[in-house]
């Protein structure tokens, strides 16, 4: 057997297209949103649990790393929203040529970043 065969597609040669990266990111943000909503339920439960439960949750929420996770959750929410709008456009049967797919993928990434930044300044 010839052991010098190239692998196909070779990982050093193959470049995942932008639409593929956006699709994978959409799935990852969906998982992030699921975990974030579970944590949101914990926060609401702590609020309903009384003053001591609320103070314990408030000390956790004031943590710097929690704030970063919160903004990651907000970005995931906006990214998921923008990707959902893109899927609604696909349901019309339009925008399936490669150039338009890449253009809308870039618009989607920019829109989600802008919405997150706007939310940062509003909140």
N, C-alpha and C. Protein backbone atom coordinates (compact mmCIF):
# COMPACT_ATOMS: atom_id res chain seq x y z
N UNK A 1 0.83 -1.19 0.00
CA UNK A 1 0.00 0.00 0.00
C UNK A 1 0.87 1.25 0.00
N UNK A 2 0.42 2.24 -0.69
CA UNK A 2 1.13 3.51 -0.78
C UNK A 2 0.69 4.39 0.38
N UNK A 3 1.59 4.66 1.32
CA UNK A 3 1.28 5.47 2.49
C UNK A 3 1.53 6.96 2.24
N UNK A 4 1.94 7.34 1.04
CA UNK A 4 2.22 8.73 0.74
C UNK A 4 1.02 9.43 0.09
N UNK A 5 -0.15 8.85 0.21
CA UNK A 5 -1.33 9.45 -0.41
C UNK A 5 -1.71 10.74 0.32
N UNK A 6 -2.11 11.76 -0.41
CA UNK A 6 -2.58 12.98 0.26
C UNK A 6 -3.97 12.77 0.86
N UNK A 7 -4.21 13.44 1.93
CA UNK A 7 -5.53 13.40 2.55
C UNK A 7 -6.44 14.36 1.81
N UNK A 8 -7.69 14.02 1.70
CA UNK A 8 -8.61 14.87 0.97
C UNK A 8 -9.83 15.13 1.82
N UNK A 9 -10.24 16.35 2.07
CA UNK A 9 -9.50 17.59 1.84
C UNK A 9 -8.45 17.78 2.94
N UNK A 10 -7.28 18.15 2.54
CA UNK A 10 -6.19 18.34 3.48
C UNK A 10 -6.48 19.57 4.34
N UNK A 11 -6.32 19.42 5.65
CA UNK A 11 -6.69 20.49 6.57
C UNK A 11 -5.84 21.74 6.41
N UNK A 12 -4.64 21.59 5.89
CA UNK A 12 -3.80 22.77 5.69
C UNK A 12 -4.16 23.50 4.41
N UNK A 13 -4.88 22.86 3.51
CA UNK A 13 -5.23 23.45 2.23
C UNK A 13 -6.68 23.94 2.24
N UNK A 14 -7.57 23.14 2.82
CA UNK A 14 -9.00 23.45 2.78
C UNK A 14 -9.30 24.66 3.65
N UNK A 15 -10.03 25.59 3.11
CA UNK A 15 -10.44 26.78 3.85
C UNK A 15 -11.96 26.79 3.93
N UNK A 16 -12.47 26.78 5.14
CA UNK A 16 -13.92 26.79 5.34
C UNK A 16 -14.48 28.11 4.83
N UNK A 17 -15.52 28.08 4.01
CA UNK A 17 -16.08 29.33 3.48
C UNK A 17 -16.74 30.14 4.59
N UNK A 18 -16.88 31.43 4.33
CA UNK A 18 -17.47 32.35 5.31
C UNK A 18 -18.87 31.88 5.72
N UNK A 19 -19.65 31.43 4.77
CA UNK A 19 -21.00 30.97 5.11
C UNK A 19 -20.96 29.75 6.02
N UNK A 20 -19.95 28.91 5.87
CA UNK A 20 -19.78 27.76 6.77
C UNK A 20 -19.44 28.20 8.18
N UNK A 21 -18.54 29.18 8.29
CA UNK A 21 -18.17 29.71 9.60
C UNK A 21 -19.37 30.37 10.28
N UNK A 22 -20.16 31.10 9.51
CA UNK A 22 -21.35 31.76 10.07
C UNK A 22 -22.37 30.72 10.52
N UNK A 23 -22.50 29.64 9.76
CA UNK A 23 -23.43 28.58 10.13
C UNK A 23 -23.00 27.89 11.43
N UNK A 24 -21.72 27.61 11.56
CA UNK A 24 -21.20 27.00 12.79
C UNK A 24 -21.39 27.95 13.96
N UNK A 25 -21.12 29.24 13.74
CA UNK A 25 -21.30 30.24 14.80
C UNK A 25 -22.76 30.33 15.22
N UNK A 26 -23.67 30.20 14.26
CA UNK A 26 -25.10 30.23 14.58
C UNK A 26 -25.46 29.08 15.52
N UNK A 27 -24.92 27.91 15.27
CA UNK A 27 -25.18 26.78 16.14
C UNK A 27 -24.57 26.99 17.53
N UNK A 28 -23.36 27.53 17.56
CA UNK A 28 -22.71 27.78 18.85
C UNK A 28 -23.48 28.82 19.66
N UNK A 29 -23.96 29.87 19.01
CA UNK A 29 -24.72 30.88 19.74
C UNK A 29 -26.04 30.32 20.22
N UNK A 30 -26.62 29.37 19.50
CA UNK A 30 -27.84 28.72 19.96
C UNK A 30 -27.61 27.96 21.26
N UNK A 31 -26.48 27.28 21.35
CA UNK A 31 -26.12 26.57 22.59
C UNK A 31 -25.86 27.57 23.71
N UNK A 32 -25.15 28.65 23.38
CA UNK A 32 -24.88 29.69 24.40
C UNK A 32 -26.18 30.28 24.92
N UNK A 33 -27.14 30.51 24.04
CA UNK A 33 -28.42 31.07 24.45
C UNK A 33 -29.17 30.10 25.36
N UNK A 34 -29.06 28.81 25.09
CA UNK A 34 -29.72 27.82 25.94
C UNK A 34 -29.16 27.86 27.35
N UNK A 35 -27.83 27.88 27.48
CA UNK A 35 -27.22 27.96 28.81
C UNK A 35 -27.53 29.30 29.47
N UNK A 36 -27.52 30.36 28.70
CA UNK A 36 -27.82 31.68 29.25
C UNK A 36 -29.25 31.78 29.76
N UNK A 37 -30.19 31.15 29.08
CA UNK A 37 -31.58 31.18 29.54
C UNK A 37 -31.77 30.36 30.81
N UNK A 38 -31.01 29.28 30.96
CA UNK A 38 -31.06 28.52 32.22
C UNK A 38 -30.55 29.40 33.36
N UNK A 39 -29.47 30.12 33.11
CA UNK A 39 -28.94 31.01 34.14
C UNK A 39 -29.92 32.16 34.42
N UNK A 40 -30.60 32.64 33.40
CA UNK A 40 -31.61 33.69 33.58
C UNK A 40 -32.73 33.20 34.50
N UNK A 41 -33.14 31.96 34.33
CA UNK A 41 -34.17 31.38 35.21
C UNK A 41 -33.65 31.33 36.65
N UNK A 42 -32.36 31.02 36.83
CA UNK A 42 -31.78 31.03 38.18
C UNK A 42 -31.82 32.43 38.78
N UNK A 43 -31.56 33.44 37.98
CA UNK A 43 -31.61 34.82 38.47
C UNK A 43 -33.03 35.19 38.88
N UNK A 44 -34.00 34.86 38.04
CA UNK A 44 -35.39 35.17 38.37
C UNK A 44 -35.83 34.41 39.62
N UNK A 45 -35.38 33.16 39.76
CA UNK A 45 -35.70 32.39 40.96
C UNK A 45 -35.10 33.02 42.21
N UNK A 46 -33.88 33.55 42.09
CA UNK A 46 -33.24 34.21 43.22
C UNK A 46 -34.00 35.48 43.60
N UNK A 47 -34.49 36.19 42.61
CA UNK A 47 -35.28 37.40 42.89
C UNK A 47 -36.56 37.01 43.62
N UNK A 48 -37.19 35.93 43.20
CA UNK A 48 -38.43 35.49 43.83
C UNK A 48 -38.16 34.82 45.18
N UNK A 49 -36.92 34.41 45.42
CA UNK A 49 -36.58 33.69 46.65
C UNK A 49 -36.40 34.54 47.88
N UNK A 50 -36.45 35.81 47.73
CA UNK A 50 -36.32 36.68 48.89
C UNK A 50 -35.00 37.44 48.91
N UNK A 51 -34.84 38.20 49.99
CA UNK A 51 -33.71 39.12 50.08
C UNK A 51 -32.36 38.42 50.13
N UNK A 52 -32.24 37.35 50.91
CA UNK A 52 -30.93 36.69 51.04
C UNK A 52 -30.52 36.02 49.72
N UNK A 53 -31.46 35.39 49.04
CA UNK A 53 -31.16 34.76 47.75
C UNK A 53 -30.80 35.84 46.72
N UNK A 54 -31.50 36.96 46.77
CA UNK A 54 -31.22 38.06 45.84
C UNK A 54 -29.82 38.63 46.08
N UNK A 55 -29.44 38.80 47.36
CA UNK A 55 -28.11 39.35 47.65
C UNK A 55 -27.01 38.41 47.19
N UNK A 56 -27.21 37.11 47.36
CA UNK A 56 -26.22 36.14 46.88
C UNK A 56 -26.07 36.19 45.37
N UNK A 57 -27.19 36.29 44.68
CA UNK A 57 -27.15 36.38 43.22
C UNK A 57 -26.54 37.70 42.78
N UNK A 58 -26.84 38.78 43.51
CA UNK A 58 -26.30 40.10 43.15
C UNK A 58 -24.77 40.11 43.27
N UNK A 59 -24.23 39.43 44.28
CA UNK A 59 -22.77 39.39 44.41
C UNK A 59 -22.14 38.62 43.24
N UNK A 60 -22.83 37.61 42.74
CA UNK A 60 -22.33 36.89 41.58
C UNK A 60 -22.43 37.74 40.32
N UNK A 61 -23.52 38.47 40.17
CA UNK A 61 -23.74 39.28 38.98
C UNK A 61 -22.75 40.45 38.92
N UNK A 62 -22.28 40.92 40.05
CA UNK A 62 -21.33 42.02 40.07
C UNK A 62 -19.91 41.61 39.68
N UNK A 63 -19.68 40.33 39.49
CA UNK A 63 -18.37 39.81 39.13
C UNK A 63 -18.02 40.22 37.70
N UNK A 64 -16.74 40.55 37.46
CA UNK A 64 -16.27 40.98 36.14
C UNK A 64 -16.48 39.90 35.09
N UNK A 65 -16.18 38.64 35.43
CA UNK A 65 -16.32 37.56 34.47
C UNK A 65 -17.79 37.30 34.11
N UNK A 66 -18.67 37.53 35.07
CA UNK A 66 -20.09 37.41 34.77
C UNK A 66 -20.51 38.48 33.78
N UNK A 67 -19.98 39.68 33.94
CA UNK A 67 -20.31 40.76 33.00
C UNK A 67 -19.87 40.41 31.58
N UNK A 68 -18.70 39.81 31.45
CA UNK A 68 -18.23 39.39 30.13
C UNK A 68 -19.16 38.32 29.56
N UNK A 69 -19.57 37.36 30.40
CA UNK A 69 -20.50 36.33 29.93
C UNK A 69 -21.84 36.95 29.55
N UNK A 70 -22.28 37.96 30.28
CA UNK A 70 -23.53 38.64 29.96
C UNK A 70 -23.46 39.29 28.58
N UNK A 71 -22.36 39.97 28.28
CA UNK A 71 -22.23 40.61 26.98
C UNK A 71 -22.04 39.58 25.87
N UNK A 72 -21.44 38.45 26.19
CA UNK A 72 -21.38 37.35 25.23
C UNK A 72 -22.78 36.81 24.93
N UNK A 73 -23.61 36.73 25.97
CA UNK A 73 -24.99 36.29 25.80
C UNK A 73 -25.76 37.30 24.94
N UNK A 74 -25.55 38.57 25.19
CA UNK A 74 -26.24 39.60 24.41
C UNK A 74 -25.79 39.55 22.95
N UNK A 75 -24.49 39.36 22.71
CA UNK A 75 -24.01 39.23 21.33
C UNK A 75 -24.62 38.00 20.67
N UNK A 76 -24.66 36.89 21.41
CA UNK A 76 -25.25 35.67 20.85
C UNK A 76 -26.71 35.88 20.49
N UNK A 77 -27.41 36.63 21.31
CA UNK A 77 -28.82 36.92 21.04
C UNK A 77 -28.97 37.72 19.75
N UNK A 78 -28.18 38.77 19.60
CA UNK A 78 -28.26 39.59 18.39
C UNK A 78 -27.78 38.83 17.15
N UNK A 79 -26.72 38.03 17.29
CA UNK A 79 -26.24 37.25 16.16
C UNK A 79 -27.30 36.26 15.71
N UNK A 80 -27.91 35.59 16.69
CA UNK A 80 -28.95 34.61 16.38
C UNK A 80 -30.14 35.29 15.70
N UNK A 81 -30.47 36.49 16.17
CA UNK A 81 -31.56 37.26 15.56
C UNK A 81 -31.24 37.61 14.12
N UNK A 82 -30.04 38.13 13.88
CA UNK A 82 -29.65 38.51 12.50
C UNK A 82 -29.61 37.30 11.58
N UNK A 83 -29.13 36.19 12.09
CA UNK A 83 -29.08 34.99 11.26
C UNK A 83 -30.49 34.48 10.97
N UNK A 84 -31.40 34.63 11.93
CA UNK A 84 -32.79 34.26 11.70
C UNK A 84 -33.43 35.11 10.61
N UNK A 85 -33.10 36.41 10.60
CA UNK A 85 -33.60 37.28 9.53
C UNK A 85 -33.05 36.82 8.19
N UNK A 86 -31.81 36.42 8.17
CA UNK A 86 -31.19 35.92 6.94
C UNK A 86 -31.90 34.65 6.46
N UNK A 87 -32.26 33.78 7.39
CA UNK A 87 -33.00 32.58 7.01
C UNK A 87 -34.39 32.93 6.47
N UNK A 88 -35.01 33.96 7.01
CA UNK A 88 -36.31 34.39 6.48
C UNK A 88 -36.17 34.86 5.04
N UNK A 89 -35.05 35.54 4.75
CA UNK A 89 -34.81 35.97 3.37
C UNK A 89 -34.60 34.76 2.46
N UNK A 90 -33.93 33.74 2.98
CA UNK A 90 -33.72 32.52 2.20
C UNK A 90 -35.05 31.82 1.91
N UNK A 91 -36.00 31.95 2.83
CA UNK A 91 -37.30 31.30 2.61
C UNK A 91 -38.03 31.86 1.40
N UNK A 92 -37.64 33.05 0.97
CA UNK A 92 -38.25 33.61 -0.25
C UNK A 92 -37.66 32.97 -1.50
N UNK A 93 -36.56 32.24 -1.34
CA UNK A 93 -35.92 31.59 -2.48
C UNK A 93 -34.89 32.46 -3.16
N UNK A 94 -34.58 33.60 -2.57
CA UNK A 94 -33.62 34.52 -3.19
C UNK A 94 -32.28 34.47 -2.44
N UNK A 95 -31.32 35.16 -2.96
CA UNK A 95 -30.00 35.40 -2.35
C UNK A 95 -29.19 34.12 -2.17
N UNK A 96 -29.25 33.20 -3.12
CA UNK A 96 -28.48 31.97 -2.99
C UNK A 96 -27.20 31.94 -3.82
N UNK A 97 -26.92 32.99 -4.58
CA UNK A 97 -25.65 32.97 -5.31
C UNK A 97 -24.52 33.31 -4.34
N UNK A 98 -23.32 32.81 -4.65
CA UNK A 98 -22.20 32.86 -3.72
C UNK A 98 -21.83 34.28 -3.31
N UNK A 99 -21.82 35.20 -4.25
CA UNK A 99 -21.45 36.58 -3.94
C UNK A 99 -22.43 37.20 -2.95
N UNK A 100 -23.72 36.99 -3.17
CA UNK A 100 -24.74 37.54 -2.27
C UNK A 100 -24.70 36.86 -0.92
N UNK A 101 -24.44 35.55 -0.88
CA UNK A 101 -24.34 34.84 0.40
C UNK A 101 -23.23 35.43 1.25
N UNK A 102 -22.07 35.66 0.65
CA UNK A 102 -20.95 36.23 1.40
C UNK A 102 -21.24 37.67 1.83
N UNK A 103 -21.88 38.45 0.95
CA UNK A 103 -22.20 39.83 1.29
C UNK A 103 -23.15 39.88 2.49
N UNK A 104 -24.18 39.05 2.47
CA UNK A 104 -25.12 39.05 3.59
C UNK A 104 -24.52 38.46 4.86
N UNK A 105 -23.56 37.56 4.73
CA UNK A 105 -22.88 37.03 5.92
C UNK A 105 -22.09 38.15 6.60
N UNK A 106 -21.43 38.98 5.81
CA UNK A 106 -20.68 40.10 6.38
C UNK A 106 -21.63 41.11 7.00
N UNK A 107 -22.73 41.39 6.32
CA UNK A 107 -23.73 42.32 6.88
C UNK A 107 -24.27 41.77 8.19
N UNK A 108 -24.51 40.48 8.24
CA UNK A 108 -25.03 39.84 9.45
C UNK A 108 -24.04 40.00 10.62
N UNK A 109 -22.77 39.76 10.36
CA UNK A 109 -21.76 39.91 11.41
C UNK A 109 -21.64 41.36 11.87
N UNK A 110 -21.67 42.29 10.93
CA UNK A 110 -21.58 43.70 11.28
C UNK A 110 -22.82 44.16 12.06
N UNK A 111 -24.00 43.73 11.63
CA UNK A 111 -25.24 44.15 12.29
C UNK A 111 -25.28 43.63 13.72
N UNK A 112 -24.87 42.40 13.94
CA UNK A 112 -24.89 41.87 15.30
C UNK A 112 -23.88 42.59 16.20
N UNK A 113 -22.73 42.96 15.65
CA UNK A 113 -21.75 43.72 16.43
C UNK A 113 -22.26 45.12 16.75
N UNK A 114 -22.87 45.78 15.77
CA UNK A 114 -23.41 47.13 15.97
C UNK A 114 -24.54 47.10 17.00
N UNK A 115 -25.43 46.12 16.91
CA UNK A 115 -26.52 46.02 17.87
C UNK A 115 -26.00 45.78 19.29
N UNK A 116 -24.95 44.98 19.42
CA UNK A 116 -24.36 44.74 20.73
C UNK A 116 -23.73 46.02 21.28
N UNK A 117 -23.03 46.75 20.45
CA UNK A 117 -22.42 48.01 20.89
C UNK A 117 -23.49 49.03 21.27
N UNK A 118 -24.57 49.11 20.48
CA UNK A 118 -25.66 50.01 20.84
C UNK A 118 -26.29 49.62 22.18
N UNK A 119 -26.47 48.34 22.40
CA UNK A 119 -27.02 47.88 23.66
C UNK A 119 -26.10 48.23 24.82
N UNK A 120 -24.78 48.16 24.58
CA UNK A 120 -23.81 48.51 25.62
C UNK A 120 -23.96 49.97 26.03
N UNK A 121 -24.16 50.84 25.06
CA UNK A 121 -24.28 52.26 25.40
C UNK A 121 -25.65 52.61 25.95
N UNK A 122 -26.67 51.87 25.56
CA UNK A 122 -28.01 52.13 26.07
C UNK A 122 -28.17 51.58 27.49
N UNK A 123 -27.64 50.39 27.72
CA UNK A 123 -27.76 49.78 29.04
C UNK A 123 -26.65 50.29 29.91
